[in-house]
Amino acid sequence: MKENCPIIPSQEACELLFREMDMMDHIIDHSRQVCRVALFIVDQLKKKDIEINRELVRAAALLHDITKVRSFKTGENHASTGALFLESHGYLEVSDIVGQHVTLNTYSISDSINEAEIVNYSDKRVLHDRVVSLGERMQYILEKYCKDSVIYKDKAIDLFEKTKKIEDKIFKHITFSPDDLPRILD
């Protein structure tokens, strides 16, 4: 094996991890749709000679909610525990991206696009198993999680403003608008 070559779980290994963590079908469906969006974006960027590790994106998108079911019971941060779970299985690069699928470690203003940004953005475009606009997804987040907290509401709004900048950065290289994504993927 080459040095610095990431260990990335196969599709089958991801499916085994779903079962190991007793993921609910609707969360698996969501994860598969996030993966579909993410890989579509990677393929569009590749047409513009932007190199993204497609297999790393595939695995991280599929596994981004790997500890979500457990978090319903424990109240844990599923991004952090998902990262720890995958790290314990030796999937360090995938772990790093999964740990950033809710909030990126850094929001870069550079033009370069990385795998974590694509998975993070793709998750923000999928509501349950439907591809939606950022606005629709934000409205859902605000209604579901921020009704009773101005602090959470302000954090959610800030997060989506940062996500909008990532969207602009990604779609600067793609020949259609973000609004067209649900129609194109349908």
C-alpha atoms as a PDB file:
ATOM      1  CA  MET A   1       0.000   0.000   0.000  1.00  0.00           C
ATOM      2  CA  LYS A   2       1.206   3.506  -0.821  1.00  0.00           C
ATOM      3  CA  GLU A   3       2.087   5.812   2.035  1.00  0.00           C
ATOM      4  CA  ASN A   4      -0.601   8.478   2.599  1.00  0.00           C
ATOM      5  CA  CYS A   5      -3.143   6.361   0.757  1.00  0.00           C
ATOM      6  CA  PRO A   6      -6.395   6.634   2.716  1.00  0.00           C
ATOM      7  CA  ILE A   7      -8.146   3.535   3.934  1.00  0.00           C
ATOM      8  CA  ILE A   8     -11.658   3.899   2.596  1.00  0.00           C
ATOM      9  CA  PRO A   9     -14.457   1.405   3.302  1.00  0.00           C
ATOM     10  CA  SER A  10     -16.063  -0.209   0.290  1.00  0.00           C
ATOM     11  CA  GLN A  11     -19.779   0.074  -0.394  1.00  0.00           C
ATOM     12  CA  GLU A  12     -20.216  -3.342   1.211  1.00  0.00           C
ATOM     13  CA  ALA A  13     -18.216  -2.323   4.282  1.00  0.00           C
ATOM     14  CA  CYS A  14     -20.419   0.770   4.643  1.00  0.00           C
ATOM     15  CA  GLU A  15     -23.518  -1.445   4.512  1.00  0.00           C
ATOM     16  CA  LEU A  16     -22.047  -3.658   7.251  1.00  0.00           C
ATOM     17  CA  LEU A  17     -21.412  -0.582   9.389  1.00  0.00           C
ATOM     18  CA  PHE A  18     -25.060   0.473   8.880  1.00  0.00           C
ATOM     19  CA  ARG A  19     -26.126  -2.885  10.333  1.00  0.00           C
ATOM     20  CA  GLU A  20     -23.555  -2.770  13.123  1.00  0.00           C
ATOM     21  CA  MET A  21     -25.023   0.557  14.280  1.00  0.00           C
ATOM     22  CA  ASP A  22     -28.668  -0.501  13.727  1.00  0.00           C
ATOM     23  CA  MET A  23     -29.307   2.460  11.453  1.00  0.00           C
ATOM     24  CA  MET A  24     -32.969   3.061  10.707  1.00  0.00           C
ATOM     25  CA  ASP A  25     -34.042   2.692   7.082  1.00  0.00           C
ATOM     26  CA  HIS A  26     -35.012   6.345   6.727  1.00  0.00           C
ATOM     27  CA  ILE A  27     -31.562   7.451   7.916  1.00  0.00           C
ATOM     28  CA  ILE A  28     -29.933   5.052   5.466  1.00  0.00           C
ATOM     29  CA  ASP A  29     -32.158   6.489   2.719  1.00  0.00           C
ATOM     30  CA  HIS A  30     -31.092  10.007   3.714  1.00  0.00           C
ATOM     31  CA  SER A  31     -27.429   8.973   3.693  1.00  0.00           C
ATOM     32  CA  ARG A  32     -27.730   7.377   0.266  1.00  0.00           C
ATOM     33  CA  GLN A  33     -29.332  10.536  -1.110  1.00  0.00           C
ATOM     34  CA  VAL A  34     -26.580  12.706   0.418  1.00  0.00           C
ATOM     35  CA  CYS A  35     -24.094  10.384  -1.253  1.00  0.00           C
ATOM     36  CA  ARG A  36     -25.905  10.718  -4.571  1.00  0.00           C
ATOM     37  CA  VAL A  37     -25.790  14.529  -4.385  1.00  0.00           C
ATOM     38  CA  ALA A  38     -22.150  14.552  -3.290  1.00  0.00           C
ATOM     39  CA  LEU A  39     -20.991  12.219  -6.069  1.00  0.00           C
ATOM     40  CA  PHE A  40     -22.930  14.203  -8.649  1.00  0.00           C
ATOM     41  CA  ILE A  41     -21.145  17.355  -7.503  1.00  0.00           C
ATOM     42  CA  VAL A  42     -17.770  15.587  -7.580  1.00  0.00           C
ATOM     43  CA  ASP A  43     -18.462  14.422 -11.140  1.00  0.00           C
ATOM     44  CA  GLN A  44     -19.433  17.955 -12.218  1.00  0.00           C
ATOM     45  CA  LEU A  45     -16.261  19.388 -10.674  1.00  0.00           C
ATOM     46  CA  LYS A  46     -14.155  16.730 -12.362  1.00  0.00           C
ATOM     47  CA  LYS A  47     -15.384  18.069 -15.726  1.00  0.00           C
ATOM     48  CA  LYS A  48     -13.634  21.319 -14.756  1.00  0.00           C
ATOM     49  CA  ASP A  49     -10.445  19.434 -13.803  1.00  0.00           C
ATOM     50  CA  ILE A  50     -11.032  19.896 -10.089  1.00  0.00           C
ATOM     51  CA  GLU A  51      -9.709  16.790  -8.422  1.00  0.00           C
ATOM     52  CA  ILE A  52     -11.668  15.444  -5.484  1.00  0.00           C
ATOM     53  CA  ASN A  53     -11.232  11.959  -4.022  1.00  0.00           C
ATOM     54  CA  ARG A  54     -14.523  10.444  -5.199  1.00  0.00           C
ATOM     55  CA  GLU A  55     -14.247   7.286  -3.101  1.00  0.00           C
ATOM     56  CA  LEU A  56     -13.518   9.274   0.041  1.00  0.00           C
ATOM     57  CA  VAL A  57     -16.579  11.450  -0.612  1.00  0.00           C
ATOM     58  CA  ARG A  58     -18.699   8.354  -1.298  1.00  0.00           C
ATOM     59  CA  ALA A  59     -17.780   6.679   1.980  1.00  0.00           C
ATOM     60  CA  ALA A  60     -18.033   9.835   4.097  1.00  0.00           C
ATOM     61  CA  ALA A  61     -21.407  10.775   2.602  1.00  0.00           C
ATOM     62  CA  LEU A  62     -22.783   7.279   3.201  1.00  0.00           C
ATOM     63  CA  LEU A  63     -21.459   7.158   6.766  1.00  0.00           C
ATOM     64  CA  HIS A  64     -22.021  10.761   7.869  1.00  0.00           C
ATOM     65  CA  ASP A  65     -24.957   9.809  10.150  1.00  0.00           C
ATOM     66  CA  ILE A  66     -23.541   6.482  11.340  1.00  0.00           C
ATOM     67  CA  THR A  67     -24.208   7.205  15.047  1.00  0.00           C
ATOM     68  CA  LYS A  68     -27.384   9.243  14.535  1.00  0.00           C
ATOM     69  CA  VAL A  69     -29.727   6.533  15.889  1.00  0.00           C
ATOM     70  CA  ARG A  70     -27.639   6.131  19.023  1.00  0.00           C
ATOM     71  CA  SER A  71     -27.660   9.910  19.510  1.00  0.00           C
ATOM     72  CA  PHE A  72     -31.455   9.865  19.814  1.00  0.00           C
ATOM     73  CA  LYS A  73     -31.037   7.929  23.068  1.00  0.00           C
ATOM     74  CA  THR A  74     -27.831   9.473  24.381  1.00  0.00           C
ATOM     75  CA  GLY A  75     -28.117  13.076  23.221  1.00  0.00           C
ATOM     76  CA  GLU A  76     -24.530  12.876  21.998  1.00  0.00           C
ATOM     77  CA  ASN A  77     -23.145  14.938  19.126  1.00  0.00           C
ATOM     78  CA  HIS A  78     -23.526  12.434  16.282  1.00  0.00           C
ATOM     79  CA  ALA A  79     -20.881  14.139  14.124  1.00  0.00           C
ATOM     80  CA  SER A  80     -18.263  13.753  16.862  1.00  0.00           C
ATOM     81  CA  THR A  81     -19.239  10.226  17.872  1.00  0.00           C
ATOM     82  CA  GLY A  82     -19.523   9.168  14.239  1.00  0.00           C
ATOM     83  CA  ALA A  83     -15.975  10.395  13.697  1.00  0.00           C
ATOM     84  CA  LEU A  84     -14.735   8.487  16.762  1.00  0.00           C
ATOM     85  CA  PHE A  85     -16.573   5.332  15.682  1.00  0.00           C
ATOM     86  CA  LEU A  86     -15.017   5.414  12.207  1.00  0.00           C
ATOM     87  CA  GLU A  87     -11.594   6.249  13.615  1.00  0.00           C
ATOM     88  CA  SER A  88     -11.852   3.157  15.833  1.00  0.00           C
ATOM     89  CA  HIS A  89     -12.388   1.135  12.644  1.00  0.00           C
ATOM     90  CA  GLY A  90      -9.254   2.622  11.048  1.00  0.00           C
ATOM     91  CA  TYR A  91     -11.036   4.953   8.616  1.00  0.00           C
ATOM     92  CA  LEU A  92      -9.180   8.103   9.619  1.00  0.00           C
ATOM     93  CA  GLU A  93      -9.806  10.266   6.548  1.00  0.00           C
ATOM     94  CA  VAL A  94     -13.473   9.288   6.429  1.00  0.00           C
ATOM     95  CA  SER A  95     -13.667   9.968  10.167  1.00  0.00           C
ATOM     96  CA  ASP A  96     -12.332  13.490   9.701  1.00  0.00           C
ATOM     97  CA  ILE A  97     -14.985  14.331   7.089  1.00  0.00           C
ATOM     98  CA  VAL A  98     -17.825  12.760   9.083  1.00  0.00           C
ATOM     99  CA  GLY A  99     -16.763  14.863  12.063  1.00  0.00           C
ATOM    100  CA  GLN A 100     -17.265  17.956   9.894  1.00  0.00           C
ATOM    101  CA  HIS A 101     -20.566  17.118   8.226  1.00  0.00           C
ATOM    102  CA  VAL A 102     -22.576  19.422  10.517  1.00  0.00           C
ATOM    103  CA  THR A 103     -20.012  22.194  11.017  1.00  0.00           C
ATOM    104  CA  LEU A 104     -16.739  22.459   9.122  1.00  0.00           C
ATOM    105  CA  ASN A 105     -13.531  22.914  11.088  1.00  0.00           C
ATOM    106  CA  THR A 106     -12.742  25.907   8.893  1.00  0.00           C
ATOM    107  CA  TYR A 107     -14.734  27.838   6.337  1.00  0.00           C
ATOM    108  CA  SER A 108     -12.122  28.647   3.732  1.00  0.00           C
ATOM    109  CA  ILE A 109     -12.486  31.660   1.486  1.00  0.00           C
ATOM    110  CA  SER A 110     -10.063  30.174  -1.041  1.00  0.00           C
ATOM    111  CA  ASP A 111     -11.370  28.869  -4.353  1.00  0.00           C
ATOM    112  CA  SER A 112     -10.184  25.327  -3.657  1.00  0.00           C
ATOM    113  CA  ILE A 113     -12.882  22.817  -2.785  1.00  0.00           C
ATOM    114  CA  ASN A 114     -12.312  19.821  -0.550  1.00  0.00           C
ATOM    115  CA  GLU A 115     -14.116  16.598   0.282  1.00  0.00           C
ATOM    116  CA  ALA A 116     -15.381  17.807   3.669  1.00  0.00           C
ATOM    117  CA  GLU A 117     -17.030  20.843   2.060  1.00  0.00           C
ATOM    118  CA  ILE A 118     -18.802  18.659  -0.491  1.00  0.00           C
ATOM    119  CA  VAL A 119     -20.182  16.230   2.107  1.00  0.00           C
ATOM    120  CA  ASN A 120     -21.150  19.066   4.444  1.00  0.00           C
ATOM    121  CA  TYR A 121     -22.916  20.943   1.640  1.00  0.00           C
ATOM    122  CA  SER A 122     -24.623  17.837   0.261  1.00  0.00           C
ATOM    123  CA  ASP A 123     -26.065  17.019   3.682  1.00  0.00           C
ATOM    124  CA  LYS A 124     -27.516  20.530   3.838  1.00  0.00           C
ATOM    125  CA  ARG A 125     -29.281  19.934   0.510  1.00  0.00           C
ATOM    126  CA  VAL A 126     -31.092  16.738   1.553  1.00  0.00           C
ATOM    127  CA  LEU A 127     -34.192  16.838   3.735  1.00  0.00           C
ATOM    128  CA  HIS A 128     -35.011  13.279   4.739  1.00  0.00           C
ATOM    129  CA  ASP A 129     -34.536  11.672   1.295  1.00  0.00           C
ATOM    130  CA  ARG A 130     -35.408  14.651  -0.933  1.00  0.00           C
ATOM    131  CA  VAL A 131     -33.038  17.112  -2.564  1.00  0.00           C
ATOM    132  CA  VAL A 132     -34.230  20.582  -1.554  1.00  0.00           C
ATOM    133  CA  SER A 133     -32.955  24.150  -1.604  1.00  0.00           C
ATOM    134  CA  LEU A 134     -30.782  25.456   1.207  1.00  0.00           C
ATOM    135  CA  GLY A 135     -33.675  27.723   2.168  1.00  0.00           C
ATOM    136  CA  GLU A 136     -36.099  24.827   2.556  1.00  0.00           C
ATOM    137  CA  ARG A 137     -33.577  22.838   4.580  1.00  0.00           C
ATOM    138  CA  MET A 138     -32.883  25.837   6.796  1.00  0.00           C
ATOM    139  CA  GLN A 139     -36.579  26.386   7.396  1.00  0.00           C
ATOM    140  CA  TYR A 140     -36.882  22.758   8.511  1.00  0.00           C
ATOM    141  CA  ILE A 141     -33.890  23.095  10.879  1.00  0.00           C
ATOM    142  CA  LEU A 142     -35.280  26.299  12.388  1.00  0.00           C
ATOM    143  CA  GLU A 143     -38.720  24.761  12.947  1.00  0.00           C
ATOM    144  CA  LYS A 144     -37.483  21.404  14.243  1.00  0.00           C
ATOM    145  CA  TYR A 145     -34.529  22.387  16.408  1.00  0.00           C
ATOM    146  CA  CYS A 146     -34.593  26.132  17.086  1.00  0.00           C
ATOM    147  CA  LYS A 147     -38.166  26.985  18.101  1.00  0.00           C
ATOM    148  CA  ASP A 148     -37.372  27.625  21.747  1.00  0.00           C
ATOM    149  CA  SER A 149     -33.835  28.981  21.536  1.00  0.00           C
ATOM    150  CA  VAL A 150     -32.645  32.265  20.096  1.00  0.00           C
ATOM    151  CA  ILE A 151     -29.060  31.049  20.540  1.00  0.00           C
ATOM    152  CA  TYR A 152     -29.651  27.908  18.438  1.00  0.00           C
ATOM    153  CA  LYS A 153     -31.547  29.972  15.887  1.00  0.00           C
ATOM    154  CA  ASP A 154     -28.668  32.450  15.547  1.00  0.00           C
ATOM    155  CA  LYS A 155     -26.160  29.583  15.247  1.00  0.00           C
ATOM    156  CA  ALA A 156     -28.303  27.888  12.578  1.00  0.00           C
ATOM    157  CA  ILE A 157     -28.618  31.089  10.582  1.00  0.00           C
ATOM    158  CA  ASP A 158     -24.849  31.661  10.794  1.00  0.00           C
ATOM    159  CA  LEU A 159     -24.215  28.080   9.701  1.00  0.00           C
ATOM    160  CA  PHE A 160     -26.468  28.424   6.683  1.00  0.00           C
ATOM    161  CA  GLU A 161     -24.861  31.724   5.698  1.00  0.00           C
ATOM    162  CA  LYS A 162     -21.507  29.929   5.707  1.00  0.00           C
ATOM    163  CA  THR A 163     -23.044  27.046   3.746  1.00  0.00           C
ATOM    164  CA  LYS A 164     -24.351  29.526   1.173  1.00  0.00           C
ATOM    165  CA  LYS A 165     -20.762  30.691   0.634  1.00  0.00           C
ATOM    166  CA  ILE A 166     -19.685  27.084   0.081  1.00  0.00           C
ATOM    167  CA  GLU A 167     -22.550  26.679  -2.378  1.00  0.00           C
ATOM    168  CA  ASP A 168     -21.364  29.772  -4.265  1.00  0.00           C
ATOM    169  CA  LYS A 169     -17.794  28.431  -4.303  1.00  0.00           C
ATOM    170  CA  ILE A 170     -18.887  25.029  -5.642  1.00  0.00           C
ATOM    171  CA  PHE A 171     -21.347  26.290  -8.215  1.00  0.00           C
ATOM    172  CA  LYS A 172     -18.887  28.811  -9.579  1.00  0.00           C
ATOM    173  CA  HIS A 173     -17.413  25.765 -11.331  1.00  0.00           C
ATOM    174  CA  ILE A 174     -20.675  24.108 -12.379  1.00  0.00           C
ATOM    175  CA  THR A 175     -22.692  25.028 -15.463  1.00  0.00           C
ATOM    176  CA  PHE A 176     -26.113  25.122 -13.777  1.00  0.00           C
ATOM    177  CA  SER A 177     -27.455  26.875 -10.702  1.00  0.00           C
ATOM    178  CA  PRO A 178     -27.978  25.315  -7.267  1.00  0.00           C
ATOM    179  CA  ASP A 179     -31.736  25.774  -7.775  1.00  0.00           C
ATOM    180  CA  ASP A 180     -31.560  23.321 -10.696  1.00  0.00           C
ATOM    181  CA  LEU A 181     -30.020  20.521  -8.620  1.00  0.00           C
ATOM    182  CA  PRO A 182     -33.286  18.875  -7.455  1.00  0.00           C
ATOM    183  CA  ARG A 183     -34.680  18.857 -11.010  1.00  0.00           C
ATOM    184  CA  ILE A 184     -31.469  17.524 -12.562  1.00  0.00           C
ATOM    185  CA  LEU A 185     -31.134  14.759  -9.991  1.00  0.00           C
ATOM    186  CA  ASP A 186     -34.810  13.762 -10.206  1.00  0.00           C
END
